[in-house]
Amino acid sequence: MGLRKLAYEIGKNKEGYYVVFEFEAKPELIVELERNYRITDEIIKFIVVRKDEE
Protein backbone atom coordinates (compact mmCIF):
# COMPACT_ATOMS: atom_id res chain seq x y z
CA MET A 1 0.00 0.00 0.00
CA GLY A 2 3.04 2.23 0.35
CA LEU A 3 3.95 5.31 2.34
CA ARG A 4 0.94 6.96 3.94
CA LYS A 5 0.06 9.40 6.66
CA LEU A 6 -0.74 7.56 9.89
CA ALA A 7 -4.23 7.91 11.34
CA TYR A 8 -2.56 9.27 14.49
CA GLU A 9 1.00 10.03 15.52
CA ILE A 10 2.87 7.05 17.00
CA GLY A 11 5.96 8.13 18.87
CA LYS A 12 7.32 10.87 16.62
CA ASN A 13 6.15 9.12 13.44
CA LYS A 14 3.52 10.82 11.31
CA GLU A 15 3.99 8.62 8.23
CA GLY A 16 4.61 4.95 7.70
CA TYR A 17 4.62 2.20 5.11
CA TYR A 18 1.44 0.16 5.06
CA VAL A 19 1.94 -3.45 3.95
CA VAL A 20 -0.59 -6.27 3.54
CA PHE A 21 0.54 -9.91 3.50
CA GLU A 22 -1.76 -12.85 2.88
CA PHE A 23 -0.37 -16.22 3.98
CA GLU A 24 -1.22 -19.57 5.52
CA ALA A 25 0.43 -20.71 8.75
CA LYS A 26 -0.04 -22.90 11.80
CA PRO A 27 -1.09 -21.06 14.99
CA GLU A 28 2.30 -21.58 16.67
CA LEU A 29 4.00 -19.82 13.76
CA ILE A 30 1.70 -16.81 14.18
CA VAL A 31 2.79 -16.53 17.82
CA GLU A 32 6.45 -16.44 16.75
CA LEU A 33 5.71 -13.96 13.95
CA GLU A 34 4.01 -11.57 16.39
CA ARG A 35 6.91 -11.93 18.85
CA ASN A 36 9.33 -10.91 16.10
CA TYR A 37 7.16 -7.95 15.13
CA ARG A 38 7.17 -6.71 18.75
CA ILE A 39 10.98 -6.76 19.03
CA THR A 40 11.63 -5.17 15.62
CA ASP A 41 12.09 -1.41 16.09
CA GLU A 42 11.18 -0.60 12.47
CA ILE A 43 7.68 -2.06 12.94
CA ILE A 44 5.68 0.47 14.93
CA LYS A 45 2.24 -1.14 14.64
CA PHE A 46 0.86 -4.42 13.30
CA ILE A 47 -2.24 -6.55 13.25
CA VAL A 48 -2.65 -10.20 12.30
CA VAL A 49 -6.17 -11.13 11.20
CA ARG A 50 -7.56 -14.57 10.50
CA LYS A 51 -9.31 -14.76 7.15
CA ASP A 52 -12.38 -17.00 7.14
CA GLU A 53 -12.41 -19.74 4.53
CA GLU A 54 -14.58 -18.96 1.55
PDB file of N, CA and C in Angstrom:
ATOM      1  N   MET A   1       0.828  -1.196   0.000  1.00  0.00           N
ATOM      2  CA  MET A   1       0.000   0.000   0.000  1.00  0.00           C
ATOM      3  C   MET A   1       0.868   1.254   0.000  1.00  0.00           C
ATOM      4  N   GLY A   2       2.103   1.131   0.467  1.00  0.00           N
ATOM      5  CA  GLY A   2       3.040   2.231   0.352  1.00  0.00           C
ATOM      6  C   GLY A   2       3.063   3.198   1.519  1.00  0.00           C
ATOM      7  N   LEU A   3       3.789   4.287   1.329  1.00  0.00           N
ATOM      8  CA  LEU A   3       3.950   5.314   2.343  1.00  0.00           C
ATOM      9  C   LEU A   3       2.671   6.122   2.463  1.00  0.00           C
ATOM     10  N   ARG A   4       2.189   6.230   3.692  1.00  0.00           N
ATOM     11  CA  ARG A   4       0.937   6.960   3.938  1.00  0.00           C
ATOM     12  C   ARG A   4       1.027   7.705   5.261  1.00  0.00           C
ATOM     13  N   LYS A   5       0.178   8.678   5.404  1.00  0.00           N
ATOM     14  CA  LYS A   5       0.060   9.401   6.661  1.00  0.00           C
ATOM     15  C   LYS A   5      -0.646   8.474   7.656  1.00  0.00           C
ATOM     16  N   LEU A   6      -0.111   8.393   8.871  1.00  0.00           N
ATOM     17  CA  LEU A   6      -0.738   7.558   9.893  1.00  0.00           C
ATOM     18  C   LEU A   6      -2.029   8.201  10.379  1.00  0.00           C
ATOM     19  N   ALA A   7      -2.965   7.394  10.825  1.00  0.00           N
ATOM     20  CA  ALA A   7      -4.233   7.906  11.337  1.00  0.00           C
ATOM     21  C   ALA A   7      -3.994   8.789  12.559  1.00  0.00           C
ATOM     22  N   TYR A   8      -2.964   8.463  13.329  1.00  0.00           N
ATOM     23  CA  TYR A   8      -2.560   9.267  14.487  1.00  0.00           C
ATOM     24  C   TYR A   8      -1.060   9.085  14.684  1.00  0.00           C
ATOM     25  N   GLU A   9      -0.442  10.057  15.312  1.00  0.00           N
ATOM     26  CA  GLU A   9       1.002  10.029  15.524  1.00  0.00           C
ATOM     27  C   GLU A   9       1.365   8.913  16.501  1.00  0.00           C
ATOM     28  N   ILE A  10       2.368   8.134  16.142  1.00  0.00           N
ATOM     29  CA  ILE A  10       2.866   7.053  17.000  1.00  0.00           C
ATOM     30  C   ILE A  10       4.326   7.367  17.287  1.00  0.00           C
ATOM     31  N   GLY A  11       4.620   7.652  18.548  1.00  0.00           N
ATOM     32  CA  GLY A  11       5.957   8.129  18.872  1.00  0.00           C
ATOM     33  C   GLY A  11       6.115   9.479  18.205  1.00  0.00           C
ATOM     34  N   LYS A  12       7.141   9.632  17.388  1.00  0.00           N
ATOM     35  CA  LYS A  12       7.316  10.869  16.619  1.00  0.00           C
ATOM     36  C   LYS A  12       7.035  10.622  15.144  1.00  0.00           C
ATOM     37  N   ASN A  13       6.421   9.490  14.825  1.00  0.00           N
ATOM     38  CA  ASN A  13       6.148   9.116  13.437  1.00  0.00           C
ATOM     39  C   ASN A  13       4.776   9.621  13.002  1.00  0.00           C
ATOM     40  N   LYS A  14       4.773  10.326  11.893  1.00  0.00           N
ATOM     41  CA  LYS A  14       3.523  10.823  11.310  1.00  0.00           C
ATOM     42  C   LYS A  14       3.176  10.085  10.025  1.00  0.00           C
ATOM     43  N   GLU A  15       4.179   9.398   9.447  1.00  0.00           N
ATOM     44  CA  GLU A  15       3.989   8.623   8.229  1.00  0.00           C
ATOM     45  C   GLU A  15       4.571   7.232   8.423  1.00  0.00           C
ATOM     46  N   GLY A  16       4.082   6.298   7.641  1.00  0.00           N
ATOM     47  CA  GLY A  16       4.610   4.948   7.697  1.00  0.00           C
ATOM     48  C   GLY A  16       4.235   4.170   6.445  1.00  0.00           C
ATOM     49  N   TYR A  17       4.931   3.071   6.241  1.00  0.00           N
ATOM     50  CA  TYR A  17       4.622   2.199   5.113  1.00  0.00           C
ATOM     51  C   TYR A  17       3.573   1.188   5.550  1.00  0.00           C
ATOM     52  N   TYR A  18       2.501   1.139   4.825  1.00  0.00           N
ATOM     53  CA  TYR A  18       1.443   0.160   5.064  1.00  0.00           C
ATOM     54  C   TYR A  18       1.695  -1.027   4.138  1.00  0.00           C
ATOM     55  N   VAL A  19       1.678  -2.228   4.710  1.00  0.00           N
ATOM     56  CA  VAL A  19       1.936  -3.445   3.945  1.00  0.00           C
ATOM     57  C   VAL A  19       0.876  -4.481   4.308  1.00  0.00           C
ATOM     58  N   VAL A  20       0.379  -5.195   3.316  1.00  0.00           N
ATOM     59  CA  VAL A  20      -0.586  -6.273   3.537  1.00  0.00           C
ATOM     60  C   VAL A  20       0.020  -7.568   3.012  1.00  0.00           C
ATOM     61  N   PHE A  21       0.078  -8.573   3.883  1.00  0.00           N
ATOM     62  CA  PHE A  21       0.545  -9.908   3.503  1.00  0.00           C
ATOM     63  C   PHE A  21      -0.608 -10.876   3.676  1.00  0.00           C
ATOM     64  N   GLU A  22      -0.768 -11.780   2.739  1.00  0.00           N
ATOM     65  CA  GLU A  22      -1.756 -12.851   2.881  1.00  0.00           C
ATOM     66  C   GLU A  22      -0.981 -14.162   2.845  1.00  0.00           C
ATOM     67  N   PHE A  23      -1.143 -14.977   3.893  1.00  0.00           N
ATOM     68  CA  PHE A  23      -0.373 -16.216   3.983  1.00  0.00           C
ATOM     69  C   PHE A  23      -1.130 -17.255   4.804  1.00  0.00           C
ATOM     70  N   GLU A  24      -0.677 -18.490   4.720  1.00  0.00           N
ATOM     71  CA  GLU A  24      -1.222 -19.575   5.525  1.00  0.00           C
ATOM     72  C   GLU A  24      -0.141 -20.034   6.494  1.00  0.00           C
ATOM     73  N   ALA A  25      -0.539 -20.282   7.746  1.00  0.00           N
ATOM     74  CA  ALA A  25       0.432 -20.713   8.748  1.00  0.00           C
ATOM     75  C   ALA A  25      -0.273 -21.408   9.904  1.00  0.00           C
ATOM     76  N   LYS A  26       0.473 -22.248  10.591  1.00  0.00           N
ATOM     77  CA  LYS A  26      -0.039 -22.896  11.796  1.00  0.00           C
ATOM     78  C   LYS A  26      -0.062 -21.870  12.932  1.00  0.00           C
ATOM     79  N   PRO A  27      -0.970 -22.036  13.890  1.00  0.00           N
ATOM     80  CA  PRO A  27      -1.091 -21.061  14.991  1.00  0.00           C
ATOM     81  C   PRO A  27       0.218 -20.786  15.736  1.00  0.00           C
ATOM     82  N   GLU A  28       1.045 -21.810  15.943  1.00  0.00           N
ATOM     83  CA  GLU A  28       2.297 -21.582  16.675  1.00  0.00           C
ATOM     84  C   GLU A  28       3.265 -20.692  15.890  1.00  0.00           C
ATOM     85  N   LEU A  29       3.165 -20.710  14.567  1.00  0.00           N
ATOM     86  CA  LEU A  29       4.001 -19.824  13.756  1.00  0.00           C
ATOM     87  C   LEU A  29       3.541 -18.376  13.890  1.00  0.00           C
ATOM     88  N   ILE A  30       2.242 -18.158  14.008  1.00  0.00           N
ATOM     89  CA  ILE A  30       1.704 -16.811  14.178  1.00  0.00           C
ATOM     90  C   ILE A  30       2.220 -16.200  15.481  1.00  0.00           C
ATOM     91  N   VAL A  31       2.273 -16.997  16.532  1.00  0.00           N
ATOM     92  CA  VAL A  31       2.794 -16.529  17.820  1.00  0.00           C
ATOM     93  C   VAL A  31       4.241 -16.054  17.669  1.00  0.00           C
ATOM     94  N   GLU A  32       5.050 -16.812  16.969  1.00  0.00           N
ATOM     95  CA  GLU A  32       6.451 -16.440  16.746  1.00  0.00           C
ATOM     96  C   GLU A  32       6.550 -15.203  15.849  1.00  0.00           C
ATOM     97  N   LEU A  33       5.723 -15.115  14.840  1.00  0.00           N
ATOM     98  CA  LEU A  33       5.706 -13.955  13.947  1.00  0.00           C
ATOM     99  C   LEU A  33       5.402 -12.685  14.737  1.00  0.00           C
ATOM    100  N   GLU A  34       4.374 -12.728  15.582  1.00  0.00           N
ATOM    101  CA  GLU A  34       4.006 -11.566  16.393  1.00  0.00           C
ATOM    102  C   GLU A  34       5.114 -11.204  17.374  1.00  0.00           C
ATOM    103  N   ARG A  35       5.792 -12.182  17.929  1.00  0.00           N
ATOM    104  CA  ARG A  35       6.906 -11.928  18.845  1.00  0.00           C
ATOM    105  C   ARG A  35       8.011 -11.165  18.114  1.00  0.00           C
ATOM    106  N   ASN A  36       8.312 -11.593  16.898  1.00  0.00           N
ATOM    107  CA  ASN A  36       9.328 -10.913  16.099  1.00  0.00           C
ATOM    108  C   ASN A  36       8.906  -9.490  15.730  1.00  0.00           C
ATOM    109  N   TYR A  37       7.649  -9.295  15.427  1.00  0.00           N
ATOM    110  CA  TYR A  37       7.159  -7.945  15.125  1.00  0.00           C
ATOM    111  C   TYR A  37       7.351  -7.021  16.327  1.00  0.00           C
ATOM    112  N   ARG A  38       7.054  -7.525  17.534  1.00  0.00           N
ATOM    113  CA  ARG A  38       7.166  -6.712  18.748  1.00  0.00           C
ATOM    114  C   ARG A  38       8.594  -6.268  19.030  1.00  0.00           C
ATOM    115  N   ILE A  39       9.595  -7.097  18.699  1.00  0.00           N
ATOM    116  CA  ILE A  39      10.982  -6.764  19.026  1.00  0.00           C
ATOM    117  C   ILE A  39      11.716  -6.057  17.883  1.00  0.00           C
ATOM    118  N   THR A  40      11.031  -5.855  16.758  1.00  0.00           N
ATOM    119  CA  THR A  40      11.629  -5.170  15.615  1.00  0.00           C
ATOM    120  C   THR A  40      11.288  -3.685  15.699  1.00  0.00           C
ATOM    121  N   ASP A  41      12.304  -2.848  15.912  1.00  0.00           N
ATOM    122  CA  ASP A  41      12.089  -1.413  16.089  1.00  0.00           C
ATOM    123  C   ASP A  41      11.452  -0.745  14.884  1.00  0.00           C
ATOM    124  N   GLU A  42      11.723  -1.223  13.683  1.00  0.00           N
ATOM    125  CA  GLU A  42      11.183  -0.602  12.473  1.00  0.00           C
ATOM    126  C   GLU A  42       9.678  -0.815  12.322  1.00  0.00           C
ATOM    127  N   ILE A  43       9.125  -1.807  12.999  1.00  0.00           N
ATOM    128  CA  ILE A  43       7.682  -2.061  12.939  1.00  0.00           C
ATOM    129  C   ILE A  43       7.046  -1.358  14.121  1.00  0.00           C
ATOM    130  N   ILE A  44       6.249  -0.311  13.841  1.00  0.00           N
ATOM    131  CA  ILE A  44       5.679   0.471  14.930  1.00  0.00           C
ATOM    132  C   ILE A  44       4.262   0.028  15.286  1.00  0.00           C
ATOM    133  N   LYS A  45       3.602  -0.672  14.390  1.00  0.00           N
ATOM    134  CA  LYS A  45       2.238  -1.145  14.638  1.00  0.00           C
ATOM    135  C   LYS A  45       1.965  -2.313  13.702  1.00  0.00           C
ATOM    136  N   PHE A  46       1.218  -3.304  14.169  1.00  0.00           N
ATOM    137  CA  PHE A  46       0.858  -4.423  13.301  1.00  0.00           C
ATOM    138  C   PHE A  46      -0.434  -5.044  13.787  1.00  0.00           C
ATOM    139  N   ILE A  47      -1.059  -5.771  12.902  1.00  0.00           N
ATOM    140  CA  ILE A  47      -2.244  -6.548  13.253  1.00  0.00           C
ATOM    141  C   ILE A  47      -2.231  -7.813  12.390  1.00  0.00           C
ATOM    142  N   VAL A  48      -2.522  -8.935  13.014  1.00  0.00           N
ATOM    143  CA  VAL A  48      -2.651 -10.203  12.296  1.00  0.00           C
ATOM    144  C   VAL A  48      -4.115 -10.606  12.398  1.00  0.00           C
ATOM    145  N   VAL A  49      -4.745 -10.831  11.254  1.00  0.00           N
ATOM    146  CA  VAL A  49      -6.172 -11.127  11.205  1.00  0.00           C
ATOM    147  C   VAL A  49      -6.375 -12.464  10.528  1.00  0.00           C
ATOM    148  N   ARG A  50      -7.227 -13.290  11.104  1.00  0.00           N
ATOM    149  CA  ARG A  50      -7.561 -14.571  10.499  1.00  0.00           C
ATOM    150  C   ARG A  50      -8.629 -14.354   9.439  1.00  0.00           C
ATOM    151  N   LYS A  51      -8.351 -14.851   8.251  1.00  0.00           N
ATOM    152  CA  LYS A  51      -9.308 -14.756   7.149  1.00  0.00           C
ATOM    153  C   LYS A  51     -10.161 -16.020   7.159  1.00  0.00           C
ATOM    154  N   ASP A  52     -11.481 -15.849   7.188  1.00  0.00           N
ATOM    155  CA  ASP A  52     -12.382 -16.997   7.144  1.00  0.00           C
ATOM    156  C   ASP A  52     -12.293 -17.672   5.794  1.00  0.00           C
ATOM    157  N   GLU A  53     -12.444 -18.993   5.791  1.00  0.00           N
ATOM    158  CA  GLU A  53     -12.415 -19.739   4.532  1.00  0.00           C
ATOM    159  C   GLU A  53     -13.647 -19.392   3.723  1.00  0.00           C
ATOM    160  N   GLU A  54     -13.465 -19.327   2.430  1.00  0.00           N
ATOM    161  CA  GLU A  54     -14.580 -18.956   1.546  1.00  0.00           C
ATOM    162  C   GLU A  54     -15.292 -20.171   1.031  1.00  0.00           C
TER     163      GLU A  54
END
